[in-house]
């Protein structure tokens, strides 16, 4: 018997985009889940909602110690917390798409890919946060112990709205050249 899901969720026959996003992401209603785990790194904040600076930050230069030197912030410059979130992600090239992702510049070729992350409507992401892709095996399972594969800084955060302006899901664009690739 073929899988068939009810698309319409209210009396007016309108599609509930939050329900559809959850069905796509988590495989609710018997579908196949299309997600993977990421870590969302967010700065810890003080009572004035300002990021808590790490003790390693130099008071004269405002620069943190390197990742190797500070075990508390790993070179971020502030204390942070990480939380797991399930997302869908894919790559998108610049300009007209993946065919235009390599651009010739006067001094050589530069890759300008974007990685796009799709998050649930209620994930509290900001431009000061980082998205950390975790290492996965070929079946899509997390490698244990957990290993960070790359770290992305959000460039554009779009709160996709519908139904009287409510947020249905969040799209986060991250430039690939800003990603930090970690060695195995």
C-alpha atoms as a PDB file:
ATOM      1  CA  UNK A   1       0.000   0.000   0.000  1.00  0.00           C
ATOM      2  CA  UNK A   2       1.441   3.353  -1.026  1.00  0.00           C
ATOM      3  CA  UNK A   3       2.126   5.996   1.583  1.00  0.00           C
ATOM      4  CA  UNK A   4      -0.401   8.801   1.412  1.00  0.00           C
ATOM      5  CA  UNK A   5      -0.499  11.714   3.824  1.00  0.00           C
ATOM      6  CA  UNK A   6      -3.209  14.267   4.434  1.00  0.00           C
ATOM      7  CA  UNK A   7      -1.864  17.576   3.093  1.00  0.00           C
ATOM      8  CA  UNK A   8      -4.621  19.808   4.326  1.00  0.00           C
ATOM      9  CA  UNK A   9      -4.883  20.448   8.018  1.00  0.00           C
ATOM     10  CA  UNK A  10      -7.753  22.830   8.598  1.00  0.00           C
ATOM     11  CA  UNK A  11     -11.361  23.315   7.669  1.00  0.00           C
ATOM     12  CA  UNK A  12     -10.518  25.782   4.870  1.00  0.00           C
ATOM     13  CA  UNK A  13      -8.306  23.201   3.152  1.00  0.00           C
ATOM     14  CA  UNK A  14      -5.112  25.191   3.735  1.00  0.00           C
ATOM     15  CA  UNK A  15      -1.716  23.555   4.059  1.00  0.00           C
ATOM     16  CA  UNK A  16      -0.122  23.920   7.500  1.00  0.00           C
ATOM     17  CA  UNK A  17       3.516  24.617   6.600  1.00  0.00           C
ATOM     18  CA  UNK A  18       4.773  23.852  10.111  1.00  0.00           C
ATOM     19  CA  UNK A  19       3.124  20.437   9.938  1.00  0.00           C
ATOM     20  CA  UNK A  20       4.537  19.845   6.452  1.00  0.00           C
ATOM     21  CA  UNK A  21       8.017  20.915   7.540  1.00  0.00           C
ATOM     22  CA  UNK A  22       7.858  18.544  10.535  1.00  0.00           C
ATOM     23  CA  UNK A  23       6.646  15.733   8.262  1.00  0.00           C
ATOM     24  CA  UNK A  24       9.581  16.344   5.912  1.00  0.00           C
ATOM     25  CA  UNK A  25      12.186  16.824   8.640  1.00  0.00           C
ATOM     26  CA  UNK A  26      11.113  14.142  11.129  1.00  0.00           C
ATOM     27  CA  UNK A  27       9.127  11.733   8.958  1.00  0.00           C
ATOM     28  CA  UNK A  28       5.960  12.205  10.968  1.00  0.00           C
ATOM     29  CA  UNK A  29       2.801  10.567   9.596  1.00  0.00           C
ATOM     30  CA  UNK A  30       4.834   7.564   8.408  1.00  0.00           C
ATOM     31  CA  UNK A  31       7.197   9.383   6.029  1.00  0.00           C
ATOM     32  CA  UNK A  32      10.967   9.146   5.764  1.00  0.00           C
ATOM     33  CA  UNK A  33      12.894  11.628   7.948  1.00  0.00           C
ATOM     34  CA  UNK A  34      15.165  14.031   6.055  1.00  0.00           C
ATOM     35  CA  UNK A  35      17.428  15.461   8.735  1.00  0.00           C
ATOM     36  CA  UNK A  36      20.737  15.291  10.507  1.00  0.00           C
ATOM     37  CA  UNK A  37      22.013  16.601  13.825  1.00  0.00           C
ATOM     38  CA  UNK A  38      23.986  19.815  14.148  1.00  0.00           C
ATOM     39  CA  UNK A  39      25.257  21.698  17.141  1.00  0.00           C
ATOM     40  CA  UNK A  40      24.132  25.280  17.569  1.00  0.00           C
ATOM     41  CA  UNK A  41      26.846  27.222  19.420  1.00  0.00           C
ATOM     42  CA  UNK A  42      25.489  30.289  21.180  1.00  0.00           C
ATOM     43  CA  UNK A  43      27.253  32.786  23.422  1.00  0.00           C
ATOM     44  CA  UNK A  44      26.391  32.673  27.108  1.00  0.00           C
ATOM     45  CA  UNK A  45      24.965  36.033  28.118  1.00  0.00           C
ATOM     46  CA  UNK A  46      25.068  38.226  31.208  1.00  0.00           C
ATOM     47  CA  UNK A  47      22.104  39.976  32.881  1.00  0.00           C
ATOM     48  CA  UNK A  48      22.312  42.776  30.249  1.00  0.00           C
ATOM     49  CA  UNK A  49      22.054  40.199  27.429  1.00  0.00           C
ATOM     50  CA  UNK A  50      25.692  40.802  26.411  1.00  0.00           C
ATOM     51  CA  UNK A  51      27.979  37.862  25.545  1.00  0.00           C
ATOM     52  CA  UNK A  52      30.128  36.797  28.515  1.00  0.00           C
ATOM     53  CA  UNK A  53      33.746  37.436  27.562  1.00  0.00           C
ATOM     54  CA  UNK A  54      36.226  34.707  28.243  1.00  0.00           C
ATOM     55  CA  UNK A  55      39.028  35.319  30.730  1.00  0.00           C
ATOM     56  CA  UNK A  56      41.528  34.814  27.879  1.00  0.00           C
ATOM     57  CA  UNK A  57      40.478  38.002  26.034  1.00  0.00           C
ATOM     58  CA  UNK A  58      43.293  40.572  26.130  1.00  0.00           C
ATOM     59  CA  UNK A  59      42.066  43.828  27.693  1.00  0.00           C
ATOM     60  CA  UNK A  60      44.228  45.975  25.387  1.00  0.00           C
ATOM     61  CA  UNK A  61      43.639  44.301  22.015  1.00  0.00           C
ATOM     62  CA  UNK A  62      40.201  42.705  22.682  1.00  0.00           C
ATOM     63  CA  UNK A  63      41.550  39.532  21.049  1.00  0.00           C
ATOM     64  CA  UNK A  64      41.067  36.043  22.482  1.00  0.00           C
ATOM     65  CA  UNK A  65      43.788  33.444  22.817  1.00  0.00           C
ATOM     66  CA  UNK A  66      44.001  30.854  20.060  1.00  0.00           C
ATOM     67  CA  UNK A  67      41.920  27.666  20.021  1.00  0.00           C
ATOM     68  CA  UNK A  68      44.927  25.662  21.215  1.00  0.00           C
ATOM     69  CA  UNK A  69      45.662  28.031  24.116  1.00  0.00           C
ATOM     70  CA  UNK A  70      42.208  28.452  25.716  1.00  0.00           C
ATOM     71  CA  UNK A  71      40.321  25.338  26.856  1.00  0.00           C
ATOM     72  CA  UNK A  72      37.254  27.406  27.864  1.00  0.00           C
ATOM     73  CA  UNK A  73      36.294  29.279  24.681  1.00  0.00           C
ATOM     74  CA  UNK A  74      38.459  27.505  22.070  1.00  0.00           C
ATOM     75  CA  UNK A  75      39.446  30.859  20.594  1.00  0.00           C
ATOM     76  CA  UNK A  76      35.883  32.239  20.311  1.00  0.00           C
ATOM     77  CA  UNK A  77      36.476  35.035  22.848  1.00  0.00           C
ATOM     78  CA  UNK A  78      33.349  34.337  24.874  1.00  0.00           C
ATOM     79  CA  UNK A  79      31.858  31.496  26.858  1.00  0.00           C
ATOM     80  CA  UNK A  80      29.297  29.512  24.921  1.00  0.00           C
ATOM     81  CA  UNK A  81      26.786  26.706  25.120  1.00  0.00           C
ATOM     82  CA  UNK A  82      25.928  24.155  22.474  1.00  0.00           C
ATOM     83  CA  UNK A  83      22.612  22.426  21.818  1.00  0.00           C
ATOM     84  CA  UNK A  84      21.631  19.697  19.359  1.00  0.00           C
ATOM     85  CA  UNK A  85      19.090  20.456  16.634  1.00  0.00           C
ATOM     86  CA  UNK A  86      17.776  18.418  13.741  1.00  0.00           C
ATOM     87  CA  UNK A  87      18.024  20.240  10.415  1.00  0.00           C
ATOM     88  CA  UNK A  88      17.946  19.700   6.686  1.00  0.00           C
ATOM     89  CA  UNK A  89      20.840  21.186   4.740  1.00  0.00           C
ATOM     90  CA  UNK A  90      22.152  21.362   1.207  1.00  0.00           C
ATOM     91  CA  UNK A  91      24.672  23.278  -0.870  1.00  0.00           C
ATOM     92  CA  UNK A  92      23.785  26.059  -3.235  1.00  0.00           C
ATOM     93  CA  UNK A  93      26.168  27.803  -5.583  1.00  0.00           C
ATOM     94  CA  UNK A  94      26.264  31.523  -6.089  1.00  0.00           C
ATOM     95  CA  UNK A  95      24.755  33.346  -9.023  1.00  0.00           C
ATOM     96  CA  UNK A  96      22.880  30.943 -11.272  1.00  0.00           C
ATOM     97  CA  UNK A  97      23.485  27.867  -9.150  1.00  0.00           C
ATOM     98  CA  UNK A  98      26.044  25.137  -8.744  1.00  0.00           C
ATOM     99  CA  UNK A  99      27.320  25.592 -12.296  1.00  0.00           C
ATOM    100  CA  UNK A 100      28.580  29.089 -11.387  1.00  0.00           C
ATOM    101  CA  UNK A 101      30.162  28.316  -8.048  1.00  0.00           C
ATOM    102  CA  UNK A 102      33.762  28.621  -9.263  1.00  0.00           C
ATOM    103  CA  UNK A 103      34.454  32.219 -10.199  1.00  0.00           C
ATOM    104  CA  UNK A 104      37.617  33.409 -11.893  1.00  0.00           C
ATOM    105  CA  UNK A 105      39.181  36.356 -10.113  1.00  0.00           C
ATOM    106  CA  UNK A 106      42.306  38.291 -11.136  1.00  0.00           C
ATOM    107  CA  UNK A 107      44.519  36.130  -8.901  1.00  0.00           C
ATOM    108  CA  UNK A 108      42.847  32.735  -9.433  1.00  0.00           C
ATOM    109  CA  UNK A 109      39.700  30.728  -8.825  1.00  0.00           C
ATOM    110  CA  UNK A 110      37.596  31.153  -5.718  1.00  0.00           C
ATOM    111  CA  UNK A 111      34.823  28.825  -4.561  1.00  0.00           C
ATOM    112  CA  UNK A 112      31.776  30.714  -3.348  1.00  0.00           C
ATOM    113  CA  UNK A 113      29.389  27.959  -2.301  1.00  0.00           C
ATOM    114  CA  UNK A 114      26.686  28.509   0.233  1.00  0.00           C
ATOM    115  CA  UNK A 115      25.428  25.877   2.608  1.00  0.00           C
ATOM    116  CA  UNK A 116      21.790  26.325   3.457  1.00  0.00           C
ATOM    117  CA  UNK A 117      20.337  25.042   6.715  1.00  0.00           C
ATOM    118  CA  UNK A 118      16.594  24.666   7.251  1.00  0.00           C
ATOM    119  CA  UNK A 119      15.533  24.810  10.909  1.00  0.00           C
ATOM    120  CA  UNK A 120      12.277  24.533  12.826  1.00  0.00           C
ATOM    121  CA  UNK A 121      10.393  27.757  13.400  1.00  0.00           C
ATOM    122  CA  UNK A 122      11.311  27.932  17.091  1.00  0.00           C
ATOM    123  CA  UNK A 123      15.112  27.504  16.955  1.00  0.00           C
ATOM    124  CA  UNK A 124      16.533  30.696  18.542  1.00  0.00           C
ATOM    125  CA  UNK A 125      19.369  31.386  16.078  1.00  0.00           C
ATOM    126  CA  UNK A 126      21.120  34.764  15.729  1.00  0.00           C
ATOM    127  CA  UNK A 127      23.976  36.180  13.660  1.00  0.00           C
ATOM    128  CA  UNK A 128      26.348  35.774  16.636  1.00  0.00           C
ATOM    129  CA  UNK A 129      25.787  31.998  16.709  1.00  0.00           C
ATOM    130  CA  UNK A 130      27.679  29.268  14.870  1.00  0.00           C
ATOM    131  CA  UNK A 131      26.355  26.107  13.220  1.00  0.00           C
ATOM    132  CA  UNK A 132      28.585  23.086  13.696  1.00  0.00           C
ATOM    133  CA  UNK A 133      28.298  20.150  11.320  1.00  0.00           C
ATOM    134  CA  UNK A 134      29.173  16.907  13.026  1.00  0.00           C
ATOM    135  CA  UNK A 135      30.992  14.049  11.351  1.00  0.00           C
ATOM    136  CA  UNK A 136      28.634  11.381   9.978  1.00  0.00           C
ATOM    137  CA  UNK A 137      29.338   7.892   8.701  1.00  0.00           C
ATOM    138  CA  UNK A 138      28.196   6.787   5.223  1.00  0.00           C
ATOM    139  CA  UNK A 139      24.789   5.729   6.604  1.00  0.00           C
ATOM    140  CA  UNK A 140      24.208   9.195   8.103  1.00  0.00           C
ATOM    141  CA  UNK A 141      24.812   8.215  11.722  1.00  0.00           C
ATOM    142  CA  UNK A 142      26.896  10.360  14.046  1.00  0.00           C
ATOM    143  CA  UNK A 143      30.465   9.166  14.492  1.00  0.00           C
ATOM    144  CA  UNK A 144      31.050   8.414  18.187  1.00  0.00           C
ATOM    145  CA  UNK A 145      32.823  10.024  19.913  1.00  0.00           C
ATOM    146  CA  UNK A 146      31.322  13.147  18.333  1.00  0.00           C
ATOM    147  CA  UNK A 147      33.643  15.050  16.033  1.00  0.00           C
ATOM    148  CA  UNK A 148      33.139  18.522  14.677  1.00  0.00           C
ATOM    149  CA  UNK A 149      33.557  18.533  10.906  1.00  0.00           C
ATOM    150  CA  UNK A 150      33.027  22.202  10.062  1.00  0.00           C
ATOM    151  CA  UNK A 151      31.850  25.394  11.724  1.00  0.00           C
ATOM    152  CA  UNK A 152      29.635  27.884   9.882  1.00  0.00           C
ATOM    153  CA  UNK A 153      28.786  31.496  10.636  1.00  0.00           C
ATOM    154  CA  UNK A 154      25.264  32.566   9.572  1.00  0.00           C
ATOM    155  CA  UNK A 155      25.364  35.169   6.797  1.00  0.00           C
ATOM    156  CA  UNK A 156      21.616  35.471   6.178  1.00  0.00           C
ATOM    157  CA  UNK A 157      18.801  34.289   8.437  1.00  0.00           C
ATOM    158  CA  UNK A 158      15.327  34.223   6.906  1.00  0.00           C
ATOM    159  CA  UNK A 159      12.250  33.630   9.006  1.00  0.00           C
ATOM    160  CA  UNK A 160       9.869  32.233   6.402  1.00  0.00           C
ATOM    161  CA  UNK A 161       6.401  33.497   7.235  1.00  0.00           C
ATOM    162  CA  UNK A 162       2.870  32.596   6.177  1.00  0.00           C
ATOM    163  CA  UNK A 163      -0.519  32.271   7.905  1.00  0.00           C
ATOM    164  CA  UNK A 164      -0.976  35.820   9.213  1.00  0.00           C
ATOM    165  CA  UNK A 165       2.770  36.336   9.577  1.00  0.00           C
ATOM    166  CA  UNK A 166       3.661  33.394  11.812  1.00  0.00           C
ATOM    167  CA  UNK A 167       7.118  31.895  11.293  1.00  0.00           C
ATOM    168  CA  UNK A 168       6.770  28.528   9.526  1.00  0.00           C
ATOM    169  CA  UNK A 169      10.483  27.560   9.308  1.00  0.00           C
ATOM    170  CA  UNK A 170      13.888  29.256   9.279  1.00  0.00           C
ATOM    171  CA  UNK A 171      16.410  29.282   6.431  1.00  0.00           C
ATOM    172  CA  UNK A 172      20.051  30.051   7.281  1.00  0.00           C
ATOM    173  CA  UNK A 173      22.578  30.783   4.530  1.00  0.00           C
ATOM    174  CA  UNK A 174      26.242  30.292   5.397  1.00  0.00           C
ATOM    175  CA  UNK A 175      29.143  31.079   3.078  1.00  0.00           C
ATOM    176  CA  UNK A 176      31.340  28.061   2.577  1.00  0.00           C
ATOM    177  CA  UNK A 177      34.518  30.155   2.521  1.00  0.00           C
ATOM    178  CA  UNK A 178      33.764  31.327   6.065  1.00  0.00           C
ATOM    179  CA  UNK A 179      33.502  27.734   7.271  1.00  0.00           C
ATOM    180  CA  UNK A 180      36.216  26.434   9.551  1.00  0.00           C
ATOM    181  CA  UNK A 181      37.278  22.962   8.445  1.00  0.00           C
ATOM    182  CA  UNK A 182      38.641  20.845  11.245  1.00  0.00           C
ATOM    183  CA  UNK A 183      41.332  18.238  10.696  1.00  0.00           C
ATOM    184  CA  UNK A 184      40.479  14.570  11.320  1.00  0.00           C
END
